[in-house]
């Protein structure tokens, strides 16, 4: 939760998703956006209509996902 607010209650309509690619990105890439001080949305560029998953910074870290790889600061 983000300051007592469930992650999925946060508005992400204005979120700016960025890609992290290990290659040419012709197949699609994972996308990440900061949606709050300690909240992130993780999407899939191959499925832009799919609802992005949401995580806290601690959860991203536990999953081995580094926002710096996307050019984002924690």
C-alpha atoms as a PDB file:
ATOM      1  CA  UNK A   1       0.000   0.000   0.000  1.00  0.00           C
ATOM      2  CA  UNK A   2       1.032   3.580  -0.673  1.00  0.00           C
ATOM      3  CA  UNK A   3       0.459   5.727   2.431  1.00  0.00           C
ATOM      4  CA  UNK A   4      -2.545   3.574   3.333  1.00  0.00           C
ATOM      5  CA  UNK A   5      -3.892   3.617  -0.243  1.00  0.00           C
ATOM      6  CA  UNK A   6      -4.018   0.290  -2.104  1.00  0.00           C
ATOM      7  CA  UNK A   7      -1.660   0.325  -5.094  1.00  0.00           C
ATOM      8  CA  UNK A   8      -4.472  -0.502  -7.520  1.00  0.00           C
ATOM      9  CA  UNK A   9      -6.452   2.543  -6.323  1.00  0.00           C
ATOM     10  CA  UNK A  10      -3.708   4.908  -7.563  1.00  0.00           C
ATOM     11  CA  UNK A  11      -4.473   6.737 -10.817  1.00  0.00           C
ATOM     12  CA  UNK A  12      -1.939   5.794 -13.505  1.00  0.00           C
ATOM     13  CA  UNK A  13      -3.628   7.511 -16.435  1.00  0.00           C
ATOM     14  CA  UNK A  14      -0.790  10.055 -16.663  1.00  0.00           C
ATOM     15  CA  UNK A  15       2.035   7.618 -15.886  1.00  0.00           C
ATOM     16  CA  UNK A  16       5.051   7.720 -18.173  1.00  0.00           C
ATOM     17  CA  UNK A  17       6.172   4.155 -18.903  1.00  0.00           C
ATOM     18  CA  UNK A  18       9.739   3.517 -20.072  1.00  0.00           C
ATOM     19  CA  UNK A  19      11.275   0.370 -21.552  1.00  0.00           C
ATOM     20  CA  UNK A  20      14.285  -1.600 -20.400  1.00  0.00           C
ATOM     21  CA  UNK A  21      15.661  -3.736 -23.160  1.00  0.00           C
ATOM     22  CA  UNK A  22      18.570  -6.098 -23.300  1.00  0.00           C
ATOM     23  CA  UNK A  23      18.394  -6.244 -27.084  1.00  0.00           C
ATOM     24  CA  UNK A  24      16.754  -4.675 -30.125  1.00  0.00           C
ATOM     25  CA  UNK A  25      13.241  -4.618 -28.598  1.00  0.00           C
ATOM     26  CA  UNK A  26      11.625  -6.031 -31.714  1.00  0.00           C
ATOM     27  CA  UNK A  27       9.632  -8.544 -29.662  1.00  0.00           C
ATOM     28  CA  UNK A  28       8.471  -6.043 -27.066  1.00  0.00           C
ATOM     29  CA  UNK A  29       9.776  -5.084 -23.673  1.00  0.00           C
ATOM     30  CA  UNK A  30       8.918  -4.743 -20.045  1.00  0.00           C
ATOM     31  CA  UNK A  31       7.831  -1.207 -19.186  1.00  0.00           C
ATOM     32  CA  UNK A  32       8.001   0.525 -15.812  1.00  0.00           C
ATOM     33  CA  UNK A  33       6.522   3.742 -14.451  1.00  0.00           C
ATOM     34  CA  UNK A  34       6.735   5.438 -11.082  1.00  0.00           C
ATOM     35  CA  UNK A  35       3.170   5.978  -9.896  1.00  0.00           C
ATOM     36  CA  UNK A  36       3.920   7.286  -6.420  1.00  0.00           C
ATOM     37  CA  UNK A  37       6.694   7.864  -3.906  1.00  0.00           C
ATOM     38  CA  UNK A  38       7.012   4.130  -3.218  1.00  0.00           C
ATOM     39  CA  UNK A  39       4.822   2.725  -5.993  1.00  0.00           C
ATOM     40  CA  UNK A  40       5.531   1.343  -9.453  1.00  0.00           C
ATOM     41  CA  UNK A  41       3.533  -0.031 -12.380  1.00  0.00           C
ATOM     42  CA  UNK A  42       5.046  -2.791 -14.528  1.00  0.00           C
ATOM     43  CA  UNK A  43       3.658  -3.319 -18.006  1.00  0.00           C
ATOM     44  CA  UNK A  44       4.279  -5.267 -21.203  1.00  0.00           C
ATOM     45  CA  UNK A  45       4.747  -3.370 -24.471  1.00  0.00           C
ATOM     46  CA  UNK A  46       3.501  -6.437 -26.378  1.00  0.00           C
ATOM     47  CA  UNK A  47       0.193  -6.173 -24.534  1.00  0.00           C
ATOM     48  CA  UNK A  48      -0.463  -2.420 -24.177  1.00  0.00           C
ATOM     49  CA  UNK A  49      -4.132  -2.999 -23.296  1.00  0.00           C
ATOM     50  CA  UNK A  50      -3.275  -5.329 -20.399  1.00  0.00           C
ATOM     51  CA  UNK A  51      -3.573  -3.803 -16.944  1.00  0.00           C
ATOM     52  CA  UNK A  52      -0.068  -3.147 -15.545  1.00  0.00           C
ATOM     53  CA  UNK A  53       0.941  -4.920 -12.355  1.00  0.00           C
ATOM     54  CA  UNK A  54       1.767  -2.702  -9.386  1.00  0.00           C
ATOM     55  CA  UNK A  55       4.522  -3.005  -6.825  1.00  0.00           C
ATOM     56  CA  UNK A  56       6.157  -1.161  -3.975  1.00  0.00           C
ATOM     57  CA  UNK A  57       9.885  -0.388  -4.239  1.00  0.00           C
ATOM     58  CA  UNK A  58      10.562  -3.165  -1.724  1.00  0.00           C
ATOM     59  CA  UNK A  59       8.613  -5.664  -3.842  1.00  0.00           C
ATOM     60  CA  UNK A  60      10.482  -4.625  -7.002  1.00  0.00           C
ATOM     61  CA  UNK A  61      13.765  -5.103  -5.180  1.00  0.00           C
ATOM     62  CA  UNK A  62      12.708  -8.553  -3.940  1.00  0.00           C
ATOM     63  CA  UNK A  63      11.845  -9.503  -7.524  1.00  0.00           C
ATOM     64  CA  UNK A  64      15.251  -8.313  -8.756  1.00  0.00           C
ATOM     65  CA  UNK A  65      13.814  -5.452 -10.810  1.00  0.00           C
ATOM     66  CA  UNK A  66      16.056  -2.376 -10.724  1.00  0.00           C
ATOM     67  CA  UNK A  67      14.370   0.906 -11.753  1.00  0.00           C
ATOM     68  CA  UNK A  68      17.833   2.236 -12.703  1.00  0.00           C
ATOM     69  CA  UNK A  69      17.845  -0.253 -15.591  1.00  0.00           C
ATOM     70  CA  UNK A  70      14.893   1.733 -16.931  1.00  0.00           C
ATOM     71  CA  UNK A  71      16.660   5.045 -16.340  1.00  0.00           C
ATOM     72  CA  UNK A  72      14.511   5.742 -13.276  1.00  0.00           C
ATOM     73  CA  UNK A  73      15.634   6.757  -9.777  1.00  0.00           C
ATOM     74  CA  UNK A  74      14.374   4.961  -6.696  1.00  0.00           C
END
